[in-house]
């Protein structure tokens, strides 16, 4: 019943492959919103903040878009850290 040693380099690609589908989904959703509104997130945010009339559907899309941007940023950072071996196994 001895512990085995697994090198980080042996599991890096496995861990990254776990996060890639989530990152791809967020990237796809971000692209979809850019196409739907024909603008960037910042432009939509500016339009929403300057509009006197609140449009529920647009607001809902804005919140979802914002969530996917945060998710993509988080996942990208996580993947980069993993690629550089900046992780431990608990």
Protein backbone atom coordinates (compact mmCIF):
# COMPACT_ATOMS: atom_id res chain seq x y z
CA UNK A 1 0.00 0.00 0.00
CA UNK A 2 2.65 2.50 -1.03
CA UNK A 3 1.71 5.81 -2.58
CA UNK A 4 2.65 6.26 -6.21
CA UNK A 5 4.16 9.41 -7.58
CA UNK A 6 2.62 11.08 -10.59
CA UNK A 7 4.42 13.98 -12.18
CA UNK A 8 2.48 17.17 -12.86
CA UNK A 9 3.56 17.00 -16.50
CA UNK A 10 1.77 13.65 -16.83
CA UNK A 11 -1.62 15.02 -15.80
CA UNK A 12 -1.49 18.58 -17.11
CA UNK A 13 -3.18 17.79 -20.42
CA UNK A 14 -5.86 15.74 -18.63
CA UNK A 15 -6.71 18.61 -16.31
CA UNK A 16 -6.73 21.15 -19.16
CA UNK A 17 -9.00 18.91 -21.24
CA UNK A 18 -11.47 19.05 -18.35
CA UNK A 19 -11.72 22.86 -18.60
CA UNK A 20 -11.60 23.29 -22.39
CA UNK A 21 -15.24 22.35 -23.12
CA UNK A 22 -16.42 24.93 -20.57
CA UNK A 23 -14.16 27.58 -22.11
CA UNK A 24 -15.36 26.73 -25.61
CA UNK A 25 -19.00 27.02 -24.50
CA UNK A 26 -18.41 30.46 -22.98
CA UNK A 27 -16.51 31.58 -26.10
CA UNK A 28 -19.38 30.38 -28.29
CA UNK A 29 -21.97 32.20 -26.18
CA UNK A 30 -19.89 35.40 -26.24
CA UNK A 31 -19.64 35.16 -30.03
CA UNK A 32 -23.39 34.54 -30.28
CA UNK A 33 -24.19 37.67 -28.28
CA UNK A 34 -21.75 39.72 -30.39
CA UNK A 35 -23.57 38.53 -33.51
CA UNK A 36 -27.04 39.04 -32.04
CA UNK A 37 -26.38 42.62 -30.94
CA UNK A 38 -23.74 43.46 -33.56
CA UNK A 39 -21.61 45.13 -30.91
CA UNK A 40 -19.18 44.47 -28.09
CA UNK A 41 -20.19 43.80 -24.51
CA UNK A 42 -19.01 47.27 -23.50
CA UNK A 43 -21.17 48.87 -26.18
CA UNK A 44 -24.24 46.93 -25.05
CA UNK A 45 -23.52 47.85 -21.45
CA UNK A 46 -23.28 51.52 -22.41
CA UNK A 47 -26.57 51.30 -24.34
CA UNK A 48 -28.33 49.70 -21.38
CA UNK A 49 -26.98 52.27 -18.92
CA UNK A 50 -27.96 55.22 -21.11
CA UNK A 51 -31.39 53.93 -22.08
CA UNK A 52 -34.40 55.36 -20.29
CA UNK A 53 -36.52 52.33 -21.13
CA UNK A 54 -35.51 48.98 -19.65
CA UNK A 55 -35.82 46.01 -22.00
CA UNK A 56 -36.01 42.79 -19.99
CA UNK A 57 -34.72 40.51 -22.76
CA UNK A 58 -31.74 42.73 -23.43
CA UNK A 59 -30.98 42.98 -19.71
CA UNK A 60 -31.19 39.21 -19.36
CA UNK A 61 -28.78 38.74 -22.29
CA UNK A 62 -26.46 41.35 -20.80
CA UNK A 63 -26.28 39.43 -17.50
CA UNK A 64 -25.69 36.12 -19.27
CA UNK A 65 -23.03 37.68 -21.53
CA UNK A 66 -21.33 39.18 -18.46
CA UNK A 67 -21.32 35.76 -16.79
CA UNK A 68 -19.75 34.10 -19.82
CA UNK A 69 -17.06 36.80 -20.01
CA UNK A 70 -16.17 36.23 -16.35
CA UNK A 71 -16.22 32.48 -16.81
CA UNK A 72 -13.96 32.65 -19.89
CA UNK A 73 -11.53 34.93 -18.06
CA UNK A 74 -11.44 32.63 -15.03
CA UNK A 75 -11.00 29.47 -17.11
CA UNK A 76 -8.31 31.04 -19.30
CA UNK A 77 -6.35 32.10 -16.23
CA UNK A 78 -6.78 28.66 -14.69
CA UNK A 79 -5.59 26.88 -17.83
CA UNK A 80 -2.56 29.17 -18.10
CA UNK A 81 -1.58 28.44 -14.50
CA UNK A 82 -1.97 24.71 -15.08
CA UNK A 83 0.15 24.92 -18.26
CA UNK A 84 2.90 26.55 -16.20
CA UNK A 85 2.66 23.96 -13.43
CA UNK A 86 1.25 26.44 -10.92
CA UNK A 87 -1.03 23.98 -9.16
CA UNK A 88 -0.98 21.37 -6.44
CA UNK A 89 -2.93 18.18 -6.06
CA UNK A 90 -4.90 17.94 -2.83
